Amino acid sequence: MKPILYSTILATLTVTSFAAPGATAPGIALKAEAKPGDEAWAAIEGILVGPKKRPTSKEEAVEIYTAHLKDFDAKAASFRKDFPTDGRRWKLSLEEIKMNGMRKFVGQPERDEAAVAKLVADILAAPDADKETKGFASFMSVGEMGDALENGKGTLAEFEKAVADHIKAYPDFKMNARLEASAKTQKTKAELKSKPFDLKFTATDGTEVDFAKLRGKVVLVDFWATWCGPCVAEVPSVVATYNKLHEKGFEIIGISLDQDKSKLDAFVKDKAMPWRQFFDGKGWQNEIAQKFGINSIPAMWLIDKKGMVVSTNAREGLAVKVEKALAE
């Protein structure tokens, strides 16, 4: 993850919200024998690599990305008009969806969920969509099921079957490992909610953290890192919630995926984060993060007074969720 929000927007040109950090959708090379639309498609591919100039401020980013989207939209409209039956129109539609994040950033309308779902279904049914495009559409569809599961919709069994069916149909798709990891994480989360949360470790301040001894309190387990832009952006809200509700029985335990303890200590002190932290210096290989299948951060889990994990997606509306758990 990048330390500045707007610097991550370029990733939306080639990666959906389900893609692993740094993953990109492969481009389409021109075939030796040219065909109608090749030149126009090459121009579109030139846009998909992102703006040539990197912004140095949010204001400059809005200006650069607005111009970039205008150029892309014009070339996309021209391609569809001149080559209405070209099979690459399906890939073009996917690329438009991948730009949703950029459109949101500059204040433009996004493609809504219903439109995206219909497009995915159309691609999977299209006889002239290439295997790569169908694979990405299938990947998006399964990913949406994983997101829905996070919000209590669907079942783990249905999601696991969808992952298996996707991998069987598209065994060479480059981000299959991402779906397998997601299925593993969802299974871990389901198991977490079946019994009290159990974890012991020695915090950076030398004290012992034992979740069994935290029964009777509402606890937020925050998987984060100082190098994670979205994590850092959440810090003021988390600190405010802690300061407001700590006296009522709210605790926070941080699981840091940092590799430099001095930077972690300095950041925690500067941001007035008084709660205890776990640190082993292993980054993404953090022992606790690995144990619980954490593959993206920030990840915030909320544990009730009985020690049960009541939410593995506590980030949005954190204060409200904590107050509700404290009242129970």
C-alpha atoms as a PDB file:
ATOM      1  CA  MET A   1       0.000   0.000   0.000  1.00  0.00           C
ATOM      2  CA  LYS A   2       1.161   3.513  -0.756  1.00  0.00           C
ATOM      3  CA  PRO A   3       1.487   6.090   2.013  1.00  0.00           C
ATOM      4  CA  ILE A   4      -0.667   8.669   0.198  1.00  0.00           C
ATOM      5  CA  LEU A   5      -4.213   7.883  -0.866  1.00  0.00           C
ATOM      6  CA  TYR A   6      -4.196   9.566  -4.250  1.00  0.00           C
ATOM      7  CA  SER A   7      -1.018   7.742  -5.259  1.00  0.00           C
ATOM      8  CA  THR A   8      -2.925   4.445  -5.119  1.00  0.00           C
ATOM      9  CA  ILE A   9      -5.527   5.565  -7.668  1.00  0.00           C
ATOM     10  CA  LEU A  10      -3.434   4.486 -10.648  1.00  0.00           C
ATOM     11  CA  ALA A  11      -3.817   0.889  -9.525  1.00  0.00           C
ATOM     12  CA  THR A  12      -7.503   1.067 -10.427  1.00  0.00           C
ATOM     13  CA  LEU A  13      -6.559   1.272 -14.090  1.00  0.00           C
ATOM     14  CA  THR A  14      -5.431  -2.335 -14.094  1.00  0.00           C
ATOM     15  CA  VAL A  15      -6.532  -3.911 -10.828  1.00  0.00           C
ATOM     16  CA  THR A  16     -10.007  -4.368  -9.360  1.00  0.00           C
ATOM     17  CA  SER A  17     -10.653  -3.930  -5.686  1.00  0.00           C
ATOM     18  CA  PHE A  18     -10.101  -7.668  -5.231  1.00  0.00           C
ATOM     19  CA  ALA A  19      -6.626  -7.777  -6.808  1.00  0.00           C
ATOM     20  CA  ALA A  20      -3.477  -8.274  -4.745  1.00  0.00           C
ATOM     21  CA  PRO A  21      -1.271  -5.170  -4.256  1.00  0.00           C
ATOM     22  CA  GLY A  22       0.836  -4.573  -7.333  1.00  0.00           C
ATOM     23  CA  ALA A  23      -1.042  -7.081  -9.504  1.00  0.00           C
ATOM     24  CA  THR A  24      -1.922  -5.894 -12.971  1.00  0.00           C
ATOM     25  CA  ALA A  25      -4.163  -7.187 -15.688  1.00  0.00           C
ATOM     26  CA  PRO A  26      -2.026  -8.262 -18.642  1.00  0.00           C
ATOM     27  CA  GLY A  27      -2.175  -6.177 -21.785  1.00  0.00           C
ATOM     28  CA  ILE A  28      -3.081  -7.535 -25.201  1.00  0.00           C
ATOM     29  CA  ALA A  29      -0.204  -7.624 -27.667  1.00  0.00           C
ATOM     30  CA  LEU A  30      -0.949  -6.898 -31.302  1.00  0.00           C
ATOM     31  CA  LYS A  31      -0.883  -9.952 -33.492  1.00  0.00           C
ATOM     32  CA  ALA A  32       1.584 -10.205 -36.350  1.00  0.00           C
ATOM     33  CA  GLU A  33      -1.261  -9.960 -38.849  1.00  0.00           C
ATOM     34  CA  ALA A  34      -3.010  -6.636 -38.291  1.00  0.00           C
ATOM     35  CA  LYS A  35      -6.789  -6.485 -38.236  1.00  0.00           C
ATOM     36  CA  PRO A  36      -9.319  -3.648 -38.073  1.00  0.00           C
ATOM     37  CA  GLY A  37      -9.251  -1.934 -34.715  1.00  0.00           C
ATOM     38  CA  ASP A  38      -5.641  -2.817 -33.826  1.00  0.00           C
ATOM     39  CA  GLU A  39      -4.388   0.739 -34.113  1.00  0.00           C
ATOM     40  CA  ALA A  40      -7.298   2.141 -32.079  1.00  0.00           C
ATOM     41  CA  TRP A  41      -6.833  -0.559 -29.456  1.00  0.00           C
ATOM     42  CA  ALA A  42      -3.120   0.184 -29.203  1.00  0.00           C
ATOM     43  CA  ALA A  43      -4.005   3.797 -28.402  1.00  0.00           C
ATOM     44  CA  ILE A  44      -6.309   2.607 -25.620  1.00  0.00           C
ATOM     45  CA  GLU A  45      -3.595   0.350 -24.223  1.00  0.00           C
ATOM     46  CA  GLY A  46      -1.325   3.369 -24.111  1.00  0.00           C
ATOM     47  CA  ILE A  47      -3.806   5.037 -21.775  1.00  0.00           C
ATOM     48  CA  LEU A  48      -4.238   1.993 -19.547  1.00  0.00           C
ATOM     49  CA  VAL A  49      -0.660   2.229 -18.279  1.00  0.00           C
ATOM     50  CA  GLY A  50      -1.722   5.436 -16.510  1.00  0.00           C
ATOM     51  CA  PRO A  51      -0.834   9.135 -16.750  1.00  0.00           C
ATOM     52  CA  LYS A  52       2.798   9.859 -17.564  1.00  0.00           C
ATOM     53  CA  LYS A  53       3.025  12.578 -14.931  1.00  0.00           C
ATOM     54  CA  ARG A  54       2.872  11.622 -11.279  1.00  0.00           C
ATOM     55  CA  PRO A  55       0.951  14.086  -9.101  1.00  0.00           C
ATOM     56  CA  THR A  56       2.626  15.749  -6.132  1.00  0.00           C
ATOM     57  CA  SER A  57      -0.539  16.950  -4.425  1.00  0.00           C
ATOM     58  CA  LYS A  58      -4.187  15.986  -4.180  1.00  0.00           C
ATOM     59  CA  GLU A  59      -5.202  19.020  -6.236  1.00  0.00           C
ATOM     60  CA  GLU A  60      -2.753  18.136  -8.984  1.00  0.00           C
ATOM     61  CA  ALA A  61      -3.932  14.525  -8.875  1.00  0.00           C
ATOM     62  CA  VAL A  62      -7.536  15.592  -9.498  1.00  0.00           C
ATOM     63  CA  GLU A  63      -6.424  17.676 -12.480  1.00  0.00           C
ATOM     64  CA  ILE A  64      -4.241  14.948 -13.986  1.00  0.00           C
ATOM     65  CA  TYR A  65      -6.737  12.129 -13.471  1.00  0.00           C
ATOM     66  CA  THR A  66      -9.659  14.175 -14.794  1.00  0.00           C
ATOM     67  CA  ALA A  67      -7.734  14.772 -18.022  1.00  0.00           C
ATOM     68  CA  HIS A  68      -6.729  11.110 -18.150  1.00  0.00           C
ATOM     69  CA  LEU A  69     -10.327   9.926 -17.797  1.00  0.00           C
ATOM     70  CA  LYS A  70     -11.483  12.380 -20.477  1.00  0.00           C
ATOM     71  CA  ASP A  71      -8.888  11.002 -22.901  1.00  0.00           C
ATOM     72  CA  PHE A  72      -9.823   7.410 -22.084  1.00  0.00           C
ATOM     73  CA  ASP A  73     -13.571   8.011 -22.422  1.00  0.00           C
ATOM     74  CA  ALA A  74     -13.111   9.693 -25.802  1.00  0.00           C
ATOM     75  CA  LYS A  75     -10.991   6.879 -27.193  1.00  0.00           C
ATOM     76  CA  ALA A  76     -13.326   4.228 -25.728  1.00  0.00           C
ATOM     77  CA  ALA A  77     -16.377   5.866 -27.328  1.00  0.00           C
ATOM     78  CA  SER A  78     -14.570   6.111 -30.664  1.00  0.00           C
ATOM     79  CA  PHE A  79     -13.544   2.434 -30.526  1.00  0.00           C
ATOM     80  CA  ARG A  80     -17.101   1.296 -29.842  1.00  0.00           C
ATOM     81  CA  LYS A  81     -18.474   3.472 -32.632  1.00  0.00           C
ATOM     82  CA  ASP A  82     -15.941   2.349 -35.241  1.00  0.00           C
ATOM     83  CA  PHE A  83     -15.677  -1.319 -34.212  1.00  0.00           C
ATOM     84  CA  PRO A  84     -19.029  -2.269 -32.596  1.00  0.00           C
ATOM     85  CA  THR A  85     -18.544  -6.018 -33.017  1.00  0.00           C
ATOM     86  CA  ASP A  86     -14.882  -6.225 -32.005  1.00  0.00           C
ATOM     87  CA  GLY A  87     -14.544  -8.738 -29.154  1.00  0.00           C
ATOM     88  CA  ARG A  88     -12.196  -6.391 -27.312  1.00  0.00           C
ATOM     89  CA  ARG A  89     -15.191  -4.216 -26.438  1.00  0.00           C
ATOM     90  CA  TRP A  90     -15.766  -6.564 -23.502  1.00  0.00           C
ATOM     91  CA  LYS A  91     -12.274  -5.974 -22.134  1.00  0.00           C
ATOM     92  CA  LEU A  92     -12.836  -2.261 -22.663  1.00  0.00           C
ATOM     93  CA  SER A  93     -15.919  -2.430 -20.443  1.00  0.00           C
ATOM     94  CA  LEU A  94     -13.916  -4.149 -17.714  1.00  0.00           C
ATOM     95  CA  GLU A  95     -11.269  -1.442 -17.910  1.00  0.00           C
ATOM     96  CA  GLU A  96     -14.001   1.166 -17.426  1.00  0.00           C
ATOM     97  CA  ILE A  97     -15.104  -0.571 -14.238  1.00  0.00           C
ATOM     98  CA  LYS A  98     -11.532  -0.722 -12.967  1.00  0.00           C
ATOM     99  CA  MET A  99     -11.463   3.055 -13.221  1.00  0.00           C
ATOM    100  CA  ASN A 100     -14.315   3.426 -10.725  1.00  0.00           C
ATOM    101  CA  GLY A 101     -11.871   4.334  -7.977  1.00  0.00           C
ATOM    102  CA  MET A 102     -10.326   7.060 -10.076  1.00  0.00           C
ATOM    103  CA  ARG A 103     -13.757   8.424 -11.014  1.00  0.00           C
ATOM    104  CA  LYS A 104     -14.796   8.548  -7.384  1.00  0.00           C
ATOM    105  CA  PHE A 105     -11.580  10.346  -6.496  1.00  0.00           C
ATOM    106  CA  VAL A 106     -12.211  13.148  -9.004  1.00  0.00           C
ATOM    107  CA  GLY A 107     -15.939  13.348  -8.247  1.00  0.00           C
ATOM    108  CA  GLN A 108     -17.308  11.624 -11.334  1.00  0.00           C
ATOM    109  CA  PRO A 109     -20.186   9.083 -11.313  1.00  0.00           C
ATOM    110  CA  GLU A 110     -19.180   5.437 -10.915  1.00  0.00           C
ATOM    111  CA  ARG A 111     -20.707   2.364 -12.507  1.00  0.00           C
ATOM    112  CA  ASP A 112     -23.205   1.068  -9.930  1.00  0.00           C
ATOM    113  CA  GLU A 113     -23.240  -2.491  -8.584  1.00  0.00           C
ATOM    114  CA  ALA A 114     -26.221  -3.560 -10.691  1.00  0.00           C
ATOM    115  CA  ALA A 115     -24.545  -2.348 -13.898  1.00  0.00           C
ATOM    116  CA  VAL A 116     -21.302  -4.115 -12.980  1.00  0.00           C
ATOM    117  CA  ALA A 117     -23.121  -7.373 -12.180  1.00  0.00           C
ATOM    118  CA  LYS A 118     -24.968  -7.258 -15.513  1.00  0.00           C
ATOM    119  CA  LEU A 119     -21.757  -6.596 -17.418  1.00  0.00           C
ATOM    120  CA  VAL A 120     -20.007  -9.508 -15.726  1.00  0.00           C
ATOM    121  CA  ALA A 121     -22.917 -11.814 -16.620  1.00  0.00           C
ATOM    122  CA  ASP A 122     -22.905 -10.551 -20.224  1.00  0.00           C
ATOM    123  CA  ILE A 123     -19.160 -11.153 -20.561  1.00  0.00           C
ATOM    124  CA  LEU A 124     -19.397 -14.691 -19.222  1.00  0.00           C
ATOM    125  CA  ALA A 125     -22.178 -15.411 -21.738  1.00  0.00           C
ATOM    126  CA  ALA A 126     -20.551 -13.618 -24.681  1.00  0.00           C
ATOM    127  CA  PRO A 127     -19.270 -15.965 -27.416  1.00  0.00           C
ATOM    128  CA  ASP A 128     -16.733 -13.385 -28.638  1.00  0.00           C
ATOM    129  CA  ALA A 129     -15.165 -12.434 -25.281  1.00  0.00           C
ATOM    130  CA  ASP A 130     -11.665 -13.882 -25.002  1.00  0.00           C
ATOM    131  CA  LYS A 131     -10.649 -16.334 -22.275  1.00  0.00           C
ATOM    132  CA  GLU A 132      -8.615 -13.758 -20.379  1.00  0.00           C
ATOM    133  CA  THR A 133     -11.517 -11.314 -20.217  1.00  0.00           C
ATOM    134  CA  LYS A 134     -13.946 -14.030 -19.164  1.00  0.00           C
ATOM    135  CA  GLY A 135     -11.495 -15.108 -16.488  1.00  0.00           C
ATOM    136  CA  PHE A 136     -11.303 -11.607 -15.071  1.00  0.00           C
ATOM    137  CA  ALA A 137     -15.090 -11.275 -15.142  1.00  0.00           C
ATOM    138  CA  SER A 138     -15.397 -14.577 -13.270  1.00  0.00           C
ATOM    139  CA  PHE A 139     -12.772 -13.382 -10.795  1.00  0.00           C
ATOM    140  CA  MET A 140     -14.789 -10.217 -10.158  1.00  0.00           C
ATOM    141  CA  SER A 141     -17.990 -12.181  -9.686  1.00  0.00           C
ATOM    142  CA  VAL A 142     -16.443 -14.532  -7.137  1.00  0.00           C
ATOM    143  CA  GLY A 143     -14.754 -11.614  -5.409  1.00  0.00           C
ATOM    144  CA  GLU A 144     -18.124  -9.916  -5.008  1.00  0.00           C
ATOM    145  CA  MET A 145     -19.379 -13.066  -3.265  1.00  0.00           C
ATOM    146  CA  GLY A 146     -16.469 -12.794  -0.839  1.00  0.00           C
ATOM    147  CA  ASP A 147     -17.327  -9.172  -0.101  1.00  0.00           C
ATOM    148  CA  ALA A 148     -20.973 -10.091   0.422  1.00  0.00           C
ATOM    149  CA  LEU A 149     -19.935 -12.803   2.869  1.00  0.00           C
ATOM    150  CA  GLU A 150     -18.114 -10.138   4.898  1.00  0.00           C
ATOM    151  CA  ASN A 151     -21.470  -8.403   5.271  1.00  0.00           C
ATOM    152  CA  GLY A 152     -23.334 -11.526   6.337  1.00  0.00           C
ATOM    153  CA  LYS A 153     -24.773 -12.413   2.920  1.00  0.00           C
ATOM    154  CA  GLY A 154     -24.378 -15.898   1.451  1.00  0.00           C
ATOM    155  CA  THR A 155     -22.593 -18.861   2.993  1.00  0.00           C
ATOM    156  CA  LEU A 156     -19.004 -20.005   3.254  1.00  0.00           C
ATOM    157  CA  ALA A 157     -19.862 -23.212   1.387  1.00  0.00           C
ATOM    158  CA  GLU A 158     -21.275 -21.237  -1.543  1.00  0.00           C
ATOM    159  CA  PHE A 159     -18.195 -19.030  -1.679  1.00  0.00           C
ATOM    160  CA  GLU A 160     -15.777 -21.977  -1.493  1.00  0.00           C
ATOM    161  CA  LYS A 161     -17.660 -23.708  -4.327  1.00  0.00           C
ATOM    162  CA  ALA A 162     -17.542 -20.544  -6.448  1.00  0.00           C
ATOM    163  CA  VAL A 163     -13.775 -20.285  -5.919  1.00  0.00           C
ATOM    164  CA  ALA A 164     -13.289 -23.947  -6.862  1.00  0.00           C
ATOM    165  CA  ASP A 165     -15.495 -23.601  -9.961  1.00  0.00           C
ATOM    166  CA  HIS A 166     -13.594 -20.496 -11.088  1.00  0.00           C
ATOM    167  CA  ILE A 167     -10.195 -22.167 -10.713  1.00  0.00           C
ATOM    168  CA  LYS A 168     -11.427 -25.233 -12.590  1.00  0.00           C
ATOM    169  CA  ALA A 169     -12.734 -23.092 -15.463  1.00  0.00           C
ATOM    170  CA  TYR A 170      -9.736 -20.722 -15.546  1.00  0.00           C
ATOM    171  CA  PRO A 171      -6.770 -22.667 -14.125  1.00  0.00           C
ATOM    172  CA  ASP A 172      -4.192 -20.298 -15.611  1.00  0.00           C
ATOM    173  CA  PHE A 173      -5.754 -17.047 -14.382  1.00  0.00           C
ATOM    174  CA  LYS A 174      -2.953 -15.096 -12.720  1.00  0.00           C
ATOM    175  CA  MET A 175      -4.849 -14.109  -9.560  1.00  0.00           C
ATOM    176  CA  ASN A 176      -6.283 -17.491  -8.582  1.00  0.00           C
ATOM    177  CA  ALA A 177      -4.010 -17.551  -5.544  1.00  0.00           C
ATOM    178  CA  ARG A 178      -5.766 -14.413  -4.337  1.00  0.00           C
ATOM    179  CA  LEU A 179      -9.123 -16.183  -4.363  1.00  0.00           C
ATOM    180  CA  GLU A 180      -7.689 -19.241  -2.627  1.00  0.00           C
ATOM    181  CA  ALA A 181      -6.278 -16.989   0.097  1.00  0.00           C
ATOM    182  CA  SER A 182      -9.631 -15.244   0.424  1.00  0.00           C
ATOM    183  CA  ALA A 183     -11.435 -18.569   0.846  1.00  0.00           C
ATOM    184  CA  LYS A 184      -8.949 -19.573   3.528  1.00  0.00           C
ATOM    185  CA  THR A 185      -9.449 -16.256   5.311  1.00  0.00           C
ATOM    186  CA  GLN A 186     -13.243 -16.577   5.219  1.00  0.00           C
ATOM    187  CA  LYS A 187     -13.006 -20.070   6.672  1.00  0.00           C
ATOM    188  CA  THR A 188     -10.759 -18.790   9.459  1.00  0.00           C
ATOM    189  CA  LYS A 189     -13.219 -15.982  10.229  1.00  0.00           C
ATOM    190  CA  ALA A 190     -16.119 -18.435  10.376  1.00  0.00           C
ATOM    191  CA  GLU A 191     -14.192 -20.568  12.853  1.00  0.00           C
ATOM    192  CA  LEU A 192     -13.315 -17.476  14.896  1.00  0.00           C
ATOM    193  CA  LYS A 193     -16.976 -16.710  15.470  1.00  0.00           C
ATOM    194  CA  SER A 194     -17.664 -20.203  16.824  1.00  0.00           C
ATOM    195  CA  LYS A 195     -15.699 -19.870  20.085  1.00  0.00           C
ATOM    196  CA  PRO A 196     -14.078 -17.187  22.302  1.00  0.00           C
ATOM    197  CA  PHE A 197     -11.049 -15.459  20.811  1.00  0.00           C
ATOM    198  CA  ASP A 198      -7.846 -16.948  22.200  1.00  0.00           C
ATOM    199  CA  LEU A 199      -4.493 -15.185  21.909  1.00  0.00           C
ATOM    200  CA  LYS A 200      -1.494 -14.470  24.125  1.00  0.00           C
ATOM    201  CA  PHE A 201       1.659 -12.477  23.397  1.00  0.00           C
ATOM    202  CA  THR A 202       4.155 -10.034  24.889  1.00  0.00           C
ATOM    203  CA  ALA A 203       3.541  -6.463  23.746  1.00  0.00           C
ATOM    204  CA  THR A 204       6.205  -3.962  22.709  1.00  0.00           C
ATOM    205  CA  ASP A 205       6.069  -2.391  26.181  1.00  0.00           C
ATOM    206  CA  GLY A 206       6.956  -5.739  27.759  1.00  0.00           C
ATOM    207  CA  THR A 207       3.518  -6.476  29.227  1.00  0.00           C
ATOM    208  CA  GLU A 208       1.610  -9.696  28.602  1.00  0.00           C
ATOM    209  CA  VAL A 209      -1.550  -9.573  26.541  1.00  0.00           C
ATOM    210  CA  ASP A 210      -3.974 -12.410  27.273  1.00  0.00           C
ATOM    211  CA  PHE A 211      -7.394 -12.108  25.680  1.00  0.00           C
ATOM    212  CA  ALA A 212      -8.864 -14.490  28.240  1.00  0.00           C
ATOM    213  CA  LYS A 213      -8.152 -11.802  30.848  1.00  0.00           C
ATOM    214  CA  LEU A 214      -9.939  -9.186  28.754  1.00  0.00           C
ATOM    215  CA  ARG A 215     -13.352 -10.811  29.164  1.00  0.00           C
ATOM    216  CA  GLY A 216     -15.897  -8.237  30.256  1.00  0.00           C
ATOM    217  CA  LYS A 217     -14.386  -5.595  27.968  1.00  0.00           C
ATOM    218  CA  VAL A 218     -15.055  -4.777  24.323  1.00  0.00           C
ATOM    219  CA  VAL A 219     -11.801  -5.143  22.386  1.00  0.00           C
ATOM    220  CA  LEU A 220     -10.756  -3.950  18.945  1.00  0.00           C
ATOM    221  CA  VAL A 221      -7.987  -5.982  17.295  1.00  0.00           C
ATOM    222  CA  ASP A 222      -6.374  -3.656  14.761  1.00  0.00           C
ATOM    223  CA  PHE A 223      -4.119  -5.201  12.099  1.00  0.00           C
ATOM    224  CA  TRP A 224      -2.197  -2.253  10.665  1.00  0.00           C
ATOM    225  CA  ALA A 225       1.190  -0.712   9.784  1.00  0.00           C
ATOM    226  CA  THR A 226       2.723   2.743   9.717  1.00  0.00           C
ATOM    227  CA  TRP A 227       3.560   2.280   6.002  1.00  0.00           C
ATOM    228  CA  CYS A 228      -0.108   1.602   5.145  1.00  0.00           C
ATOM    229  CA  GLY A 229      -1.790   4.806   3.933  1.00  0.00           C
ATOM    230  CA  PRO A 230      -5.397   3.727   4.665  1.00  0.00           C
ATOM    231  CA  CYS A 231      -4.295   2.509   8.115  1.00  0.00           C
ATOM    232  CA  VAL A 232      -2.706   5.850   8.945  1.00  0.00           C
ATOM    233  CA  ALA A 233      -5.809   7.649   7.669  1.00  0.00           C
ATOM    234  CA  GLU A 234      -7.914   5.706  10.201  1.00  0.00           C
ATOM    235  CA  VAL A 235      -5.719   6.588  13.195  1.00  0.00           C
ATOM    236  CA  PRO A 236      -7.485   9.856  14.200  1.00  0.00           C
ATOM    237  CA  SER A 237     -10.882   8.128  14.209  1.00  0.00           C
ATOM    238  CA  VAL A 238      -9.584   5.140  16.168  1.00  0.00           C
ATOM    239  CA  VAL A 239      -7.843   7.371  18.717  1.00  0.00           C
ATOM    240  CA  ALA A 240     -10.999   9.464  19.127  1.00  0.00           C
ATOM    241  CA  THR A 241     -13.112   6.341  19.691  1.00  0.00           C
ATOM    242  CA  TYR A 242     -10.627   5.035  22.246  1.00  0.00           C
ATOM    243  CA  ASN A 243     -10.526   8.318  24.153  1.00  0.00           C
ATOM    244  CA  LYS A 244     -14.318   8.528  24.187  1.00  0.00           C
ATOM    245  CA  LEU A 245     -15.100   4.950  25.223  1.00  0.00           C
ATOM    246  CA  HIS A 246     -12.048   3.573  27.042  1.00  0.00           C
ATOM    247  CA  GLU A 247     -13.410   4.508  30.472  1.00  0.00           C
ATOM    248  CA  LYS A 248     -16.584   2.572  29.640  1.00  0.00           C
ATOM    249  CA  GLY A 249     -14.651  -0.651  29.011  1.00  0.00           C
ATOM    250  CA  PHE A 250     -13.233  -0.337  25.497  1.00  0.00           C
ATOM    251  CA  GLU A 251      -9.730  -1.619  24.745  1.00  0.00           C
ATOM    252  CA  ILE A 252      -7.621  -1.754  21.584  1.00  0.00           C
ATOM    253  CA  ILE A 253      -4.849  -4.208  20.770  1.00  0.00           C
ATOM    254  CA  GLY A 254      -2.674  -3.384  17.774  1.00  0.00           C
ATOM    255  CA  ILE A 255      -1.054  -6.011  15.562  1.00  0.00           C
ATOM    256  CA  SER A 256       1.659  -4.133  13.686  1.00  0.00           C
ATOM    257  CA  LEU A 257       2.940  -5.412  10.353  1.00  0.00           C
ATOM    258  CA  ASP A 258       5.881  -3.018  10.513  1.00  0.00           C
ATOM    259  CA  GLN A 259       9.491  -4.109  10.140  1.00  0.00           C
ATOM    260  CA  ASP A 260      11.168  -1.202  11.924  1.00  0.00           C
ATOM    261  CA  LYS A 261      10.347  -1.039  15.635  1.00  0.00           C
ATOM    262  CA  SER A 262      11.860   2.411  16.103  1.00  0.00           C
ATOM    263  CA  LYS A 263       9.530   3.849  13.445  1.00  0.00           C
ATOM    264  CA  LEU A 264       6.556   2.087  15.038  1.00  0.00           C
ATOM    265  CA  ASP A 265       7.410   3.394  18.512  1.00  0.00           C
ATOM    266  CA  ALA A 266       7.920   6.939  17.228  1.00  0.00           C
ATOM    267  CA  PHE A 267       4.635   6.891  15.300  1.00  0.00           C
ATOM    268  CA  VAL A 268       2.633   5.503  18.216  1.00  0.00           C
ATOM    269  CA  LYS A 269       4.070   8.167  20.527  1.00  0.00           C
ATOM    270  CA  ASP A 270       3.491  10.992  18.051  1.00  0.00           C
ATOM    271  CA  LYS A 271      -0.135   9.984  17.410  1.00  0.00           C
ATOM    272  CA  ALA A 272      -0.895   9.382  21.097  1.00  0.00           C
ATOM    273  CA  MET A 273      -1.907   5.734  20.675  1.00  0.00           C
ATOM    274  CA  PRO A 274      -1.725   4.395  24.263  1.00  0.00           C
ATOM    275  CA  TRP A 275      -2.856   0.846  23.617  1.00  0.00           C
ATOM    276  CA  ARG A 276      -0.529  -2.149  23.433  1.00  0.00           C
ATOM    277  CA  GLN A 277       1.044  -3.390  20.205  1.00  0.00           C
ATOM    278  CA  PHE A 278       2.333  -6.723  18.921  1.00  0.00           C
ATOM    279  CA  PHE A 279       5.457  -6.478  16.750  1.00  0.00           C
ATOM    280  CA  ASP A 280       7.753  -9.173  15.391  1.00  0.00           C
ATOM    281  CA  GLY A 281       9.380  -7.273  12.511  1.00  0.00           C
ATOM    282  CA  LYS A 282       8.211  -9.740   9.859  1.00  0.00           C
ATOM    283  CA  GLY A 283       5.951  -7.431   7.854  1.00  0.00           C
ATOM    284  CA  TRP A 284       3.368  -9.395   5.872  1.00  0.00           C
ATOM    285  CA  GLN A 285       4.743 -12.573   7.474  1.00  0.00           C
ATOM    286  CA  ASN A 286       3.703 -11.305  10.916  1.00  0.00           C
ATOM    287  CA  GLU A 287       3.004 -14.448  12.961  1.00  0.00           C
ATOM    288  CA  ILE A 288      -0.399 -13.393  14.269  1.00  0.00           C
ATOM    289  CA  ALA A 289      -1.519 -12.008  10.905  1.00  0.00           C
ATOM    290  CA  GLN A 290      -0.498 -15.285   9.267  1.00  0.00           C
ATOM    291  CA  LYS A 291      -2.287 -17.312  11.930  1.00  0.00           C
ATOM    292  CA  PHE A 292      -5.567 -15.555  11.227  1.00  0.00           C
ATOM    293  CA  GLY A 293      -5.249 -15.336   7.438  1.00  0.00           C
ATOM    294  CA  ILE A 294      -4.816 -11.551   7.189  1.00  0.00           C
ATOM    295  CA  ASN A 295      -4.017 -10.633   3.567  1.00  0.00           C
ATOM    296  CA  SER A 296      -5.017  -6.971   3.518  1.00  0.00           C
ATOM    297  CA  ILE A 297      -4.872  -4.088   5.973  1.00  0.00           C
ATOM    298  CA  PRO A 298      -6.322  -2.224   7.722  1.00  0.00           C
ATOM    299  CA  ALA A 299      -8.310  -5.103   9.194  1.00  0.00           C
ATOM    300  CA  MET A 300     -10.289  -4.409  12.365  1.00  0.00           C
ATOM    301  CA  TRP A 301     -11.960  -7.124  14.413  1.00  0.00           C
ATOM    302  CA  LEU A 302     -14.362  -6.350  17.239  1.00  0.00           C
ATOM    303  CA  ILE A 303     -14.622  -8.697  20.219  1.00  0.00           C
ATOM    304  CA  ASP A 304     -17.535  -8.492  22.653  1.00  0.00           C
ATOM    305  CA  LYS A 305     -17.543  -8.838  26.433  1.00  0.00           C
ATOM    306  CA  LYS A 306     -17.845 -12.619  26.190  1.00  0.00           C
ATOM    307  CA  GLY A 307     -14.723 -12.830  24.042  1.00  0.00           C
ATOM    308  CA  MET A 308     -16.622 -13.575  20.839  1.00  0.00           C
ATOM    309  CA  VAL A 309     -15.631 -12.001  17.523  1.00  0.00           C
ATOM    310  CA  VAL A 310     -18.754 -10.098  16.513  1.00  0.00           C
ATOM    311  CA  SER A 311     -17.277  -8.305  13.495  1.00  0.00           C
ATOM    312  CA  THR A 312     -14.286  -8.831  11.213  1.00  0.00           C
ATOM    313  CA  ASN A 313     -15.133  -5.621   9.389  1.00  0.00           C
ATOM    314  CA  ALA A 314     -15.396  -3.085  12.221  1.00  0.00           C
ATOM    315  CA  ARG A 315     -13.650  -0.257  10.379  1.00  0.00           C
ATOM    316  CA  GLU A 316     -16.772   1.501   9.100  1.00  0.00           C
ATOM    317  CA  GLY A 317     -18.895   3.043  11.831  1.00  0.00           C
ATOM    318  CA  LEU A 318     -16.450   1.893  14.499  1.00  0.00           C
ATOM    319  CA  ALA A 319     -17.718   4.098  17.351  1.00  0.00           C
ATOM    320  CA  VAL A 320     -21.326   3.027  16.803  1.00  0.00           C
ATOM    321  CA  LYS A 321     -20.351  -0.656  16.771  1.00  0.00           C
ATOM    322  CA  VAL A 322     -18.311  -0.287  19.943  1.00  0.00           C
ATOM    323  CA  GLU A 323     -21.081   1.556  21.779  1.00  0.00           C
ATOM    324  CA  LYS A 324     -23.563  -1.138  20.786  1.00  0.00           C
ATOM    325  CA  ALA A 325     -21.257  -3.892  22.071  1.00  0.00           C
ATOM    326  CA  LEU A 326     -20.657  -2.004  25.331  1.00  0.00           C
ATOM    327  CA  ALA A 327     -24.408  -1.703  25.895  1.00  0.00           C
ATOM    328  CA  GLU A 328     -25.005  -5.452  25.573  1.00  0.00           C
END
